[in-house]
Structures are given as structure tokens and as C-alpha cells.
Amino acid sequence: MRLNQNTLLLGKKVVLVPYTSEHVPRYHEWMKSEELQHLTASEPLSLEQEYAMQRSWREDADKCTFIVLDAEKWQAQPGATEESCMVGDVNLFLTDLEDPTLGEIEVMIAEPSCRGKGLGTEAVLMMLSYGVTRLDLTKFEAKIGQGNEPSIRMFQKLHFEQFSLKNRTVTLSRLGSLWLM
């Protein structure tokens, strides 16, 4: 989404930056992990396909993607590259043409050493805020594989409620105004 191409969002634990071609090699390495493929219900892509996906996420009006950086590492090391501070990504997809106020949110903390430290939670809260304030969203859904218990628990802590269960996917929903808690 071009709207966020020059946007940097700074939190206490994470920094969100637009997904650029410079991030693709590291992202591609992450997605070779069978564990991440399983948790994110993703198929492995070639490096060329990953670059094409990054271009699509940048150009398509219905996708808003940020790379999640470790804020402590990014701020503590002068001259640190974004790539060296990458820990995951967070996305909003505007997939319901009949309801432009609905966004589907995803988060992935790909670096195993960074999981369970609240980085995903802060990234989601920042993205919810961005969705409400910049994209005029009022409702959010998270579609998560049934076996991804850490993600399900995280979204439930953020007041997402189970909406449906089909095709081994749990759909959780939340009204945007609740992000102000």
C-alpha cells in the first residue's frame, strides 16, 4: 500500500517500517522454516516470487504491510540496518469489498529468540491504531490456524473474540474502538 511507503511507527519495543525490497532476502530466509510455514499457513516461495510478493504488497491498495524491527536493537546501535533489526512483520488486508471498514490483521514474529516478549502484541496494537486512524477501519479479524495457540492467546488477550471455526482456522474479531483500552 503506497499510503504507508514513507511511514515509520515507533513503539517502546518495536519499530514498524514499510516492507521494501531490501527486506526481502531476510524475509525469504525466514519463510524457509517449516515451522513458520505451518504457523502462517504459507507455502515456500522462490526468491523471485518473494520479490514479486513484496512489490504486490507495496502496490496493492488492499494490503498494508510493515516490517517489525526490534526497537532496542535499532535505537542502541547507531548505523544499524533495518535488516539486522528485523524480527517479523504485521499486516492489514482490506479484503471485504462490501465492508471497507473491516481489516484482516496478521502478525508474525519470525525470530524465535524474540517470541514471547510482547513484540507481537505491541506490533498488533500499533497496527490496529494505524488501521483506525489512517485507514478508517472499525472492525478487525484475525484468521489463525487452530494449532497456533500462542497467536490465538495473544489475540484473545487483545479482546478479540472467536467468531468462527472452519477449515482448521479460527477467526477472531474485534471492534476497532476497543484498541483504545
N, C-alpha and C. Protein backbone atom coordinates (compact mmCIF):
# COMPACT_ATOMS: atom_id res chain seq x y z
N MET A 1 0.86 -1.16 0.00
CA MET A 1 0.00 0.00 0.00
C MET A 1 0.90 1.23 0.00
N ARG A 2 0.69 2.07 -0.95
CA ARG A 2 1.55 3.26 -1.07
C ARG A 2 1.34 4.25 0.08
N LEU A 3 0.18 4.20 0.74
CA LEU A 3 -0.10 5.12 1.84
C LEU A 3 0.96 5.04 2.93
N ASN A 4 1.49 3.86 3.18
CA ASN A 4 2.46 3.71 4.27
C ASN A 4 3.91 3.67 3.80
N GLN A 5 4.16 3.99 2.53
CA GLN A 5 5.51 3.83 1.99
C GLN A 5 6.56 4.72 2.65
N ASN A 6 6.16 5.82 3.27
CA ASN A 6 7.11 6.70 3.95
C ASN A 6 6.81 6.81 5.44
N THR A 7 6.13 5.81 5.99
CA THR A 7 5.69 5.85 7.37
C THR A 7 6.59 4.99 8.25
N LEU A 8 6.99 5.55 9.37
CA LEU A 8 7.72 4.82 10.39
C LEU A 8 6.92 4.99 11.68
N LEU A 9 6.59 3.89 12.32
CA LEU A 9 5.84 3.93 13.58
C LEU A 9 6.74 3.43 14.69
N LEU A 10 6.94 4.26 15.70
CA LEU A 10 7.87 3.96 16.78
C LEU A 10 7.11 3.61 18.05
N GLY A 11 7.35 2.41 18.56
CA GLY A 11 6.78 1.97 19.82
C GLY A 11 7.88 1.80 20.85
N LYS A 12 7.53 1.25 21.99
CA LYS A 12 8.53 1.03 23.04
C LYS A 12 9.41 -0.17 22.73
N LYS A 13 8.79 -1.24 22.20
CA LYS A 13 9.53 -2.47 21.93
C LYS A 13 9.81 -2.68 20.45
N VAL A 14 8.97 -2.11 19.59
CA VAL A 14 9.11 -2.34 18.15
C VAL A 14 9.05 -1.04 17.37
N VAL A 15 9.63 -1.10 16.19
CA VAL A 15 9.53 -0.04 15.20
C VAL A 15 8.92 -0.70 13.97
N LEU A 16 7.90 -0.08 13.40
CA LEU A 16 7.28 -0.60 12.18
C LEU A 16 7.74 0.26 11.01
N VAL A 17 8.28 -0.41 9.99
CA VAL A 17 8.75 0.27 8.78
C VAL A 17 8.12 -0.42 7.57
N PRO A 18 7.92 0.33 6.47
CA PRO A 18 7.35 -0.28 5.28
C PRO A 18 8.24 -1.42 4.76
N TYR A 19 7.60 -2.43 4.21
CA TYR A 19 8.31 -3.59 3.65
C TYR A 19 8.88 -3.20 2.30
N THR A 20 10.20 -3.15 2.19
CA THR A 20 10.87 -2.78 0.95
C THR A 20 11.65 -3.96 0.39
N SER A 21 12.17 -3.78 -0.80
CA SER A 21 12.93 -4.86 -1.44
C SER A 21 14.19 -5.21 -0.64
N GLU A 22 14.71 -4.27 0.13
CA GLU A 22 15.90 -4.54 0.94
C GLU A 22 15.62 -5.57 2.05
N HIS A 23 14.37 -5.70 2.44
CA HIS A 23 14.00 -6.65 3.49
C HIS A 23 13.78 -8.07 2.96
N VAL A 24 13.61 -8.21 1.67
CA VAL A 24 13.20 -9.49 1.07
C VAL A 24 14.17 -10.63 1.36
N PRO A 25 15.49 -10.48 1.20
CA PRO A 25 16.37 -11.64 1.45
C PRO A 25 16.20 -12.23 2.85
N ARG A 26 16.14 -11.39 3.86
CA ARG A 26 15.98 -11.91 5.23
C ARG A 26 14.60 -12.54 5.41
N TYR A 27 13.59 -11.88 4.88
CA TYR A 27 12.23 -12.41 4.97
C TYR A 27 12.17 -13.79 4.28
N HIS A 28 12.80 -13.87 3.13
CA HIS A 28 12.82 -15.13 2.38
C HIS A 28 13.49 -16.25 3.19
N GLU A 29 14.57 -15.92 3.88
CA GLU A 29 15.24 -16.91 4.73
C GLU A 29 14.31 -17.39 5.83
N TRP A 30 13.58 -16.47 6.46
CA TRP A 30 12.62 -16.86 7.49
C TRP A 30 11.61 -17.86 6.95
N MET A 31 11.10 -17.56 5.76
CA MET A 31 9.99 -18.35 5.22
C MET A 31 10.42 -19.71 4.71
N LYS A 32 11.69 -20.03 4.79
CA LYS A 32 12.16 -21.38 4.50
C LYS A 32 11.88 -22.31 5.68
N SER A 33 11.59 -21.75 6.83
CA SER A 33 11.33 -22.53 8.03
C SER A 33 9.99 -23.26 7.93
N GLU A 34 10.04 -24.57 8.08
CA GLU A 34 8.80 -25.36 8.04
C GLU A 34 7.87 -24.95 9.18
N GLU A 35 8.45 -24.61 10.34
CA GLU A 35 7.64 -24.17 11.48
C GLU A 35 6.85 -22.91 11.12
N LEU A 36 7.53 -21.90 10.53
CA LEU A 36 6.83 -20.67 10.15
C LEU A 36 5.82 -20.92 9.04
N GLN A 37 6.16 -21.78 8.10
CA GLN A 37 5.21 -22.11 7.05
C GLN A 37 3.94 -22.70 7.65
N HIS A 38 4.11 -23.58 8.62
CA HIS A 38 2.96 -24.20 9.29
C HIS A 38 2.17 -23.16 10.08
N LEU A 39 2.85 -22.36 10.90
CA LEU A 39 2.17 -21.39 11.75
C LEU A 39 1.45 -20.31 10.94
N THR A 40 2.00 -19.94 9.79
CA THR A 40 1.41 -18.87 8.98
C THR A 40 0.60 -19.40 7.80
N ALA A 41 0.47 -20.71 7.70
CA ALA A 41 -0.25 -21.34 6.59
C ALA A 41 0.28 -20.82 5.25
N SER A 42 1.60 -20.78 5.12
CA SER A 42 2.26 -20.26 3.93
C SER A 42 2.93 -21.38 3.16
N GLU A 43 3.05 -21.16 1.88
CA GLU A 43 3.79 -22.06 1.00
C GLU A 43 5.16 -21.46 0.74
N PRO A 44 6.19 -22.29 0.61
CA PRO A 44 7.51 -21.74 0.30
C PRO A 44 7.51 -21.09 -1.09
N LEU A 45 8.19 -19.96 -1.18
CA LEU A 45 8.30 -19.24 -2.45
C LEU A 45 9.76 -19.16 -2.85
N SER A 46 10.01 -19.02 -4.14
CA SER A 46 11.38 -18.76 -4.60
C SER A 46 11.71 -17.31 -4.25
N LEU A 47 12.97 -16.97 -4.30
CA LEU A 47 13.37 -15.60 -4.02
C LEU A 47 12.70 -14.64 -5.01
N GLU A 48 12.62 -15.02 -6.27
CA GLU A 48 11.95 -14.18 -7.28
C GLU A 48 10.48 -13.98 -6.93
N GLN A 49 9.81 -15.05 -6.49
CA GLN A 49 8.41 -14.94 -6.08
C GLN A 49 8.26 -14.05 -4.86
N GLU A 50 9.23 -14.11 -3.94
CA GLU A 50 9.17 -13.27 -2.74
C GLU A 50 9.31 -11.79 -3.11
N TYR A 51 10.19 -11.47 -4.06
CA TYR A 51 10.31 -10.09 -4.53
C TYR A 51 9.00 -9.64 -5.18
N ALA A 52 8.39 -10.51 -5.96
CA ALA A 52 7.10 -10.17 -6.60
C ALA A 52 6.02 -9.94 -5.54
N MET A 53 6.03 -10.75 -4.49
CA MET A 53 5.07 -10.59 -3.40
C MET A 53 5.28 -9.24 -2.70
N GLN A 54 6.53 -8.89 -2.45
CA GLN A 54 6.83 -7.60 -1.81
C GLN A 54 6.31 -6.46 -2.69
N ARG A 55 6.52 -6.52 -3.99
CA ARG A 55 6.03 -5.47 -4.89
C ARG A 55 4.51 -5.39 -4.84
N SER A 56 3.86 -6.54 -4.80
CA SER A 56 2.40 -6.56 -4.74
C SER A 56 1.91 -5.94 -3.44
N TRP A 57 2.57 -6.26 -2.32
CA TRP A 57 2.15 -5.70 -1.04
C TRP A 57 2.35 -4.18 -1.03
N ARG A 58 3.32 -3.69 -1.76
CA ARG A 58 3.55 -2.25 -1.83
C ARG A 58 2.55 -1.56 -2.76
N GLU A 59 2.22 -2.19 -3.86
CA GLU A 59 1.39 -1.56 -4.88
C GLU A 59 -0.11 -1.74 -4.66
N ASP A 60 -0.53 -2.89 -4.12
CA ASP A 60 -1.96 -3.18 -3.99
C ASP A 60 -2.60 -2.28 -2.93
N ALA A 61 -3.74 -1.72 -3.25
CA ALA A 61 -4.45 -0.81 -2.35
C ALA A 61 -5.10 -1.56 -1.18
N ASP A 62 -5.16 -2.88 -1.26
CA ASP A 62 -5.85 -3.64 -0.21
C ASP A 62 -4.89 -4.34 0.76
N LYS A 63 -3.59 -3.99 0.71
CA LYS A 63 -2.61 -4.62 1.60
C LYS A 63 -1.76 -3.53 2.26
N CYS A 64 -1.65 -3.59 3.57
CA CYS A 64 -0.79 -2.66 4.31
C CYS A 64 0.17 -3.50 5.15
N THR A 65 1.44 -3.43 4.82
CA THR A 65 2.45 -4.28 5.45
C THR A 65 3.57 -3.45 6.05
N PHE A 66 3.95 -3.81 7.26
CA PHE A 66 5.11 -3.23 7.91
C PHE A 66 6.02 -4.36 8.35
N ILE A 67 7.31 -4.11 8.29
CA ILE A 67 8.30 -5.00 8.89
C ILE A 67 8.45 -4.56 10.34
N VAL A 68 8.54 -5.54 11.23
CA VAL A 68 8.70 -5.28 12.66
C VAL A 68 10.19 -5.34 12.98
N LEU A 69 10.69 -4.24 13.55
CA LEU A 69 12.08 -4.17 13.99
C LEU A 69 12.12 -4.20 15.51
N ASP A 70 13.18 -4.76 16.05
CA ASP A 70 13.44 -4.71 17.49
C ASP A 70 13.89 -3.29 17.80
N ALA A 71 13.05 -2.52 18.52
CA ALA A 71 13.33 -1.10 18.78
C ALA A 71 14.61 -0.91 19.58
N GLU A 72 14.85 -1.77 20.55
CA GLU A 72 16.04 -1.63 21.38
C GLU A 72 17.31 -1.77 20.54
N LYS A 73 17.32 -2.77 19.70
CA LYS A 73 18.48 -3.01 18.84
C LYS A 73 18.63 -1.87 17.82
N TRP A 74 17.51 -1.45 17.24
CA TRP A 74 17.51 -0.42 16.20
C TRP A 74 17.99 0.92 16.76
N GLN A 75 17.60 1.25 17.99
CA GLN A 75 17.97 2.53 18.58
C GLN A 75 19.34 2.49 19.26
N ALA A 76 19.76 1.33 19.74
CA ALA A 76 21.00 1.23 20.50
C ALA A 76 22.25 1.17 19.63
N GLN A 77 22.08 0.77 18.40
CA GLN A 77 23.24 0.59 17.52
C GLN A 77 23.23 1.65 16.43
N PRO A 78 23.96 2.73 16.60
CA PRO A 78 24.00 3.76 15.56
C PRO A 78 24.43 3.15 14.23
N GLY A 79 23.68 3.45 13.22
CA GLY A 79 24.00 2.93 11.90
C GLY A 79 23.53 1.51 11.65
N ALA A 80 22.79 0.94 12.59
CA ALA A 80 22.27 -0.42 12.38
C ALA A 80 21.31 -0.41 11.20
N THR A 81 21.41 -1.42 10.38
CA THR A 81 20.49 -1.51 9.25
C THR A 81 19.16 -2.07 9.72
N GLU A 82 18.10 -1.72 9.00
CA GLU A 82 16.79 -2.29 9.32
C GLU A 82 16.84 -3.81 9.23
N GLU A 83 17.54 -4.31 8.22
CA GLU A 83 17.60 -5.75 8.01
C GLU A 83 18.20 -6.48 9.21
N SER A 84 19.18 -5.85 9.86
CA SER A 84 19.81 -6.50 11.02
C SER A 84 18.94 -6.46 12.27
N CYS A 85 17.88 -5.65 12.24
CA CYS A 85 16.99 -5.50 13.40
C CYS A 85 15.63 -6.14 13.17
N MET A 86 15.43 -6.75 12.00
CA MET A 86 14.13 -7.35 11.66
C MET A 86 13.79 -8.51 12.59
N VAL A 87 12.53 -8.54 13.05
CA VAL A 87 12.07 -9.68 13.85
C VAL A 87 10.79 -10.30 13.29
N GLY A 88 10.09 -9.60 12.38
CA GLY A 88 8.85 -10.15 11.83
C GLY A 88 8.13 -9.15 10.96
N ASP A 89 6.83 -9.38 10.80
CA ASP A 89 6.00 -8.44 10.04
C ASP A 89 4.59 -8.39 10.62
N VAL A 90 3.88 -7.35 10.25
CA VAL A 90 2.49 -7.17 10.66
C VAL A 90 1.74 -6.62 9.44
N ASN A 91 0.53 -7.13 9.21
CA ASN A 91 -0.20 -6.80 8.00
C ASN A 91 -1.66 -6.51 8.28
N LEU A 92 -2.22 -5.65 7.44
CA LEU A 92 -3.66 -5.44 7.38
C LEU A 92 -4.09 -5.68 5.94
N PHE A 93 -5.10 -6.50 5.77
CA PHE A 93 -5.65 -6.76 4.45
C PHE A 93 -7.09 -6.26 4.41
N LEU A 94 -7.42 -5.50 3.38
CA LEU A 94 -8.76 -4.96 3.20
C LEU A 94 -9.44 -5.82 2.13
N THR A 95 -9.99 -6.93 2.56
CA THR A 95 -10.44 -7.95 1.60
C THR A 95 -11.95 -8.00 1.38
N ASP A 96 -12.71 -7.25 2.15
CA ASP A 96 -14.17 -7.31 2.03
C ASP A 96 -14.67 -6.08 1.28
N LEU A 97 -14.94 -6.24 -0.02
CA LEU A 97 -15.37 -5.11 -0.84
C LEU A 97 -16.71 -4.55 -0.37
N GLU A 98 -17.52 -5.38 0.27
CA GLU A 98 -18.82 -4.92 0.76
C GLU A 98 -18.71 -4.19 2.09
N ASP A 99 -17.57 -4.32 2.77
CA ASP A 99 -17.37 -3.66 4.05
C ASP A 99 -15.96 -3.06 4.13
N PRO A 100 -15.81 -1.81 3.66
CA PRO A 100 -14.48 -1.18 3.67
C PRO A 100 -14.00 -0.80 5.06
N THR A 101 -14.80 -1.05 6.09
CA THR A 101 -14.37 -0.74 7.46
C THR A 101 -13.77 -1.95 8.16
N LEU A 102 -13.66 -3.08 7.44
CA LEU A 102 -13.15 -4.32 8.00
C LEU A 102 -11.73 -4.59 7.52
N GLY A 103 -10.84 -4.87 8.45
CA GLY A 103 -9.47 -5.23 8.11
C GLY A 103 -9.11 -6.56 8.73
N GLU A 104 -8.41 -7.38 7.96
CA GLU A 104 -7.88 -8.65 8.48
C GLU A 104 -6.44 -8.41 8.90
N ILE A 105 -6.14 -8.70 10.15
CA ILE A 105 -4.81 -8.41 10.69
C ILE A 105 -4.02 -9.70 10.91
N GLU A 106 -2.74 -9.62 10.62
CA GLU A 106 -1.82 -10.74 10.84
C GLU A 106 -0.54 -10.20 11.46
N VAL A 107 0.12 -11.04 12.22
CA VAL A 107 1.43 -10.70 12.75
C VAL A 107 2.27 -11.97 12.77
N MET A 108 3.55 -11.80 12.52
CA MET A 108 4.48 -12.92 12.59
C MET A 108 5.76 -12.41 13.24
N ILE A 109 6.12 -13.02 14.35
CA ILE A 109 7.44 -12.78 14.93
C ILE A 109 8.27 -13.99 14.51
N ALA A 110 9.10 -13.77 13.52
CA ALA A 110 9.83 -14.87 12.88
C ALA A 110 11.07 -15.28 13.66
N GLU A 111 11.70 -14.34 14.34
CA GLU A 111 12.91 -14.65 15.09
C GLU A 111 12.53 -15.38 16.38
N PRO A 112 12.88 -16.66 16.51
CA PRO A 112 12.49 -17.42 17.71
C PRO A 112 12.91 -16.77 19.02
N SER A 113 14.08 -16.14 19.06
CA SER A 113 14.55 -15.53 20.31
C SER A 113 13.74 -14.30 20.70
N CYS A 114 12.91 -13.80 19.81
CA CYS A 114 12.12 -12.60 20.07
C CYS A 114 10.66 -12.91 20.41
N ARG A 115 10.29 -14.17 20.36
CA ARG A 115 8.91 -14.55 20.66
C ARG A 115 8.66 -14.54 22.17
N GLY A 116 7.42 -14.28 22.54
CA GLY A 116 7.04 -14.31 23.94
C GLY A 116 7.52 -13.12 24.75
N LYS A 117 7.94 -12.06 24.06
CA LYS A 117 8.46 -10.88 24.74
C LYS A 117 7.56 -9.66 24.57
N GLY A 118 6.39 -9.84 23.97
CA GLY A 118 5.45 -8.74 23.80
C GLY A 118 5.63 -7.94 22.52
N LEU A 119 6.57 -8.34 21.68
CA LEU A 119 6.79 -7.59 20.43
C LEU A 119 5.60 -7.73 19.49
N GLY A 120 5.06 -8.93 19.37
CA GLY A 120 3.90 -9.15 18.52
C GLY A 120 2.69 -8.39 19.02
N THR A 121 2.49 -8.38 20.33
CA THR A 121 1.36 -7.66 20.92
C THR A 121 1.45 -6.18 20.61
N GLU A 122 2.63 -5.60 20.84
CA GLU A 122 2.78 -4.17 20.56
C GLU A 122 2.61 -3.88 19.07
N ALA A 123 3.15 -4.73 18.20
CA ALA A 123 3.01 -4.53 16.76
C ALA A 123 1.54 -4.55 16.35
N VAL A 124 0.77 -5.48 16.92
CA VAL A 124 -0.66 -5.57 16.59
C VAL A 124 -1.39 -4.32 17.09
N LEU A 125 -1.12 -3.89 18.32
CA LEU A 125 -1.78 -2.70 18.84
C LEU A 125 -1.45 -1.47 17.99
N MET A 126 -0.21 -1.35 17.56
CA MET A 126 0.18 -0.22 16.72
C MET A 126 -0.54 -0.30 15.37
N MET A 127 -0.67 -1.51 14.83
CA MET A 127 -1.33 -1.67 13.54
C MET A 127 -2.84 -1.42 13.67
N LEU A 128 -3.44 -1.85 14.77
CA LEU A 128 -4.86 -1.54 14.99
C LEU A 128 -5.07 -0.03 15.02
N SER A 129 -4.21 0.66 15.73
CA SER A 129 -4.30 2.12 15.81
C SER A 129 -4.15 2.74 14.43
N TYR A 130 -3.18 2.26 13.67
CA TYR A 130 -2.96 2.77 12.31
C TYR A 130 -4.20 2.51 11.45
N GLY A 131 -4.78 1.32 11.58
CA GLY A 131 -5.97 0.99 10.81
C GLY A 131 -7.14 1.90 11.13
N VAL A 132 -7.31 2.22 12.40
CA VAL A 132 -8.42 3.09 12.81
C VAL A 132 -8.16 4.54 12.36
N THR A 133 -6.96 5.04 12.63
CA THR A 133 -6.68 6.46 12.39
C THR A 133 -6.35 6.80 10.94
N ARG A 134 -5.75 5.88 10.21
CA ARG A 134 -5.32 6.19 8.84
C ARG A 134 -6.15 5.52 7.76
N LEU A 135 -6.75 4.37 8.09
CA LEU A 135 -7.49 3.61 7.08
C LEU A 135 -8.99 3.61 7.33
N ASP A 136 -9.43 4.29 8.39
CA ASP A 136 -10.85 4.38 8.74
C ASP A 136 -11.50 3.01 8.99
N LEU A 137 -10.73 2.10 9.57
CA LEU A 137 -11.27 0.78 9.90
C LEU A 137 -11.95 0.84 11.27
N THR A 138 -13.00 0.05 11.41
CA THR A 138 -13.71 -0.01 12.70
C THR A 138 -13.85 -1.44 13.19
N LYS A 139 -13.54 -2.42 12.33
CA LYS A 139 -13.65 -3.84 12.70
C LYS A 139 -12.41 -4.56 12.20
N PHE A 140 -12.00 -5.55 12.98
CA PHE A 140 -10.81 -6.32 12.62
C PHE A 140 -11.09 -7.80 12.80
N GLU A 141 -10.47 -8.60 11.93
CA GLU A 141 -10.50 -10.05 12.06
C GLU A 141 -9.08 -10.57 12.02
N ALA A 142 -8.86 -11.67 12.73
CA ALA A 142 -7.58 -12.38 12.67
C ALA A 142 -7.91 -13.83 12.36
N LYS A 143 -7.38 -14.35 11.28
CA LYS A 143 -7.59 -15.75 10.91
C LYS A 143 -6.31 -16.51 11.24
N ILE A 144 -6.44 -17.47 12.15
CA ILE A 144 -5.28 -18.16 12.69
C ILE A 144 -5.50 -19.66 12.63
N GLY A 145 -4.48 -20.39 12.25
CA GLY A 145 -4.57 -21.84 12.23
C GLY A 145 -4.86 -22.36 13.64
N GLN A 146 -5.70 -23.38 13.73
CA GLN A 146 -6.10 -23.93 15.03
C GLN A 146 -4.91 -24.31 15.91
N GLY A 147 -3.84 -24.75 15.31
CA GLY A 147 -2.69 -25.21 16.08
C GLY A 147 -1.78 -24.09 16.57
N ASN A 148 -2.05 -22.86 16.17
CA ASN A 148 -1.19 -21.75 16.55
C ASN A 148 -1.70 -21.12 17.85
N GLU A 149 -1.57 -21.89 18.92
CA GLU A 149 -2.09 -21.46 20.23
C GLU A 149 -1.49 -20.14 20.73
N PRO A 150 -0.17 -19.89 20.57
CA PRO A 150 0.35 -18.60 21.05
C PRO A 150 -0.34 -17.40 20.39
N SER A 151 -0.59 -17.47 19.08
CA SER A 151 -1.26 -16.36 18.40
C SER A 151 -2.71 -16.23 18.84
N ILE A 152 -3.39 -17.35 18.98
CA ILE A 152 -4.79 -17.30 19.43
C ILE A 152 -4.86 -16.64 20.80
N ARG A 153 -4.00 -17.06 21.73
CA ARG A 153 -4.00 -16.47 23.08
C ARG A 153 -3.68 -14.97 23.03
N MET A 154 -2.72 -14.58 22.21
CA MET A 154 -2.35 -13.17 22.13
C MET A 154 -3.54 -12.33 21.66
N PHE A 155 -4.22 -12.78 20.60
CA PHE A 155 -5.35 -12.01 20.09
C PHE A 155 -6.50 -12.01 21.09
N GLN A 156 -6.70 -13.10 21.81
CA GLN A 156 -7.74 -13.11 22.84
C GLN A 156 -7.41 -12.12 23.96
N LYS A 157 -6.14 -12.00 24.33
CA LYS A 157 -5.75 -11.02 25.35
C LYS A 157 -6.02 -9.60 24.86
N LEU A 158 -6.03 -9.41 23.55
CA LEU A 158 -6.31 -8.10 22.96
C LEU A 158 -7.80 -7.91 22.69
N HIS A 159 -8.62 -8.73 23.33
CA HIS A 159 -10.08 -8.63 23.28
C HIS A 159 -10.69 -9.02 21.93
N PHE A 160 -9.98 -9.85 21.18
CA PHE A 160 -10.59 -10.47 20.00
C PHE A 160 -11.40 -11.65 20.52
N GLU A 161 -12.56 -11.86 19.95
CA GLU A 161 -13.42 -12.98 20.36
C GLU A 161 -13.59 -13.93 19.20
N GLN A 162 -13.69 -15.23 19.52
CA GLN A 162 -13.85 -16.22 18.46
C GLN A 162 -15.15 -15.98 17.73
N PHE A 163 -15.05 -15.90 16.42
CA PHE A 163 -16.18 -15.62 15.56
C PHE A 163 -16.62 -16.89 14.83
N SER A 164 -15.64 -17.64 14.34
CA SER A 164 -15.96 -18.88 13.63
C SER A 164 -14.78 -19.83 13.67
N LEU A 165 -15.07 -21.08 13.32
CA LEU A 165 -14.07 -22.12 13.24
C LEU A 165 -14.41 -22.96 12.02
N LYS A 166 -13.59 -22.85 10.98
CA LYS A 166 -13.81 -23.68 9.79
C LYS A 166 -12.49 -23.89 9.07
N ASN A 167 -12.41 -25.01 8.41
CA ASN A 167 -11.21 -25.39 7.67
C ASN A 167 -9.95 -25.28 8.53
N ARG A 168 -10.08 -25.71 9.80
CA ARG A 168 -8.97 -25.70 10.76
C ARG A 168 -8.41 -24.30 11.01
N THR A 169 -9.25 -23.28 10.76
CA THR A 169 -8.86 -21.90 11.00
C THR A 169 -9.82 -21.27 12.00
N VAL A 170 -9.25 -20.61 12.99
CA VAL A 170 -10.04 -19.87 13.97
C VAL A 170 -10.10 -18.42 13.50
N THR A 171 -11.30 -17.88 13.39
CA THR A 171 -11.46 -16.46 13.05
C THR A 171 -11.89 -15.72 14.31
N LEU A 172 -11.08 -14.75 14.69
CA LEU A 172 -11.36 -13.92 15.85
C LEU A 172 -11.71 -12.52 15.35
N SER A 173 -12.61 -11.83 16.06
CA SER A 173 -12.98 -10.49 15.61
C SER A 173 -12.97 -9.52 16.78
N ARG A 174 -12.91 -8.22 16.42
CA ARG A 174 -12.85 -7.17 17.43
C ARG A 174 -13.29 -5.87 16.79
N LEU A 175 -13.98 -5.04 17.57
CA LEU A 175 -14.33 -3.70 17.10
C LEU A 175 -13.14 -2.77 17.31
N GLY A 176 -12.88 -1.90 16.33
CA GLY A 176 -11.71 -1.05 16.36
C GLY A 176 -11.64 -0.12 17.55
N SER A 177 -12.77 0.34 18.05
CA SER A 177 -12.74 1.30 19.16
C SER A 177 -12.12 0.71 20.41
N LEU A 178 -12.07 -0.63 20.51
CA LEU A 178 -11.51 -1.26 21.70
C LEU A 178 -10.00 -1.11 21.77
N TRP A 179 -9.35 -0.70 20.70
CA TRP A 179 -7.89 -0.57 20.74
C TRP A 179 -7.47 0.53 21.69
N LEU A 180 -8.41 1.38 22.09
CA LEU A 180 -8.08 2.48 22.96
C LEU A 180 -7.92 2.08 24.43
N MET A 181 -8.05 0.79 24.78
CA MET A 181 -8.00 0.35 26.15
C MET A 181 -6.79 0.86 26.90
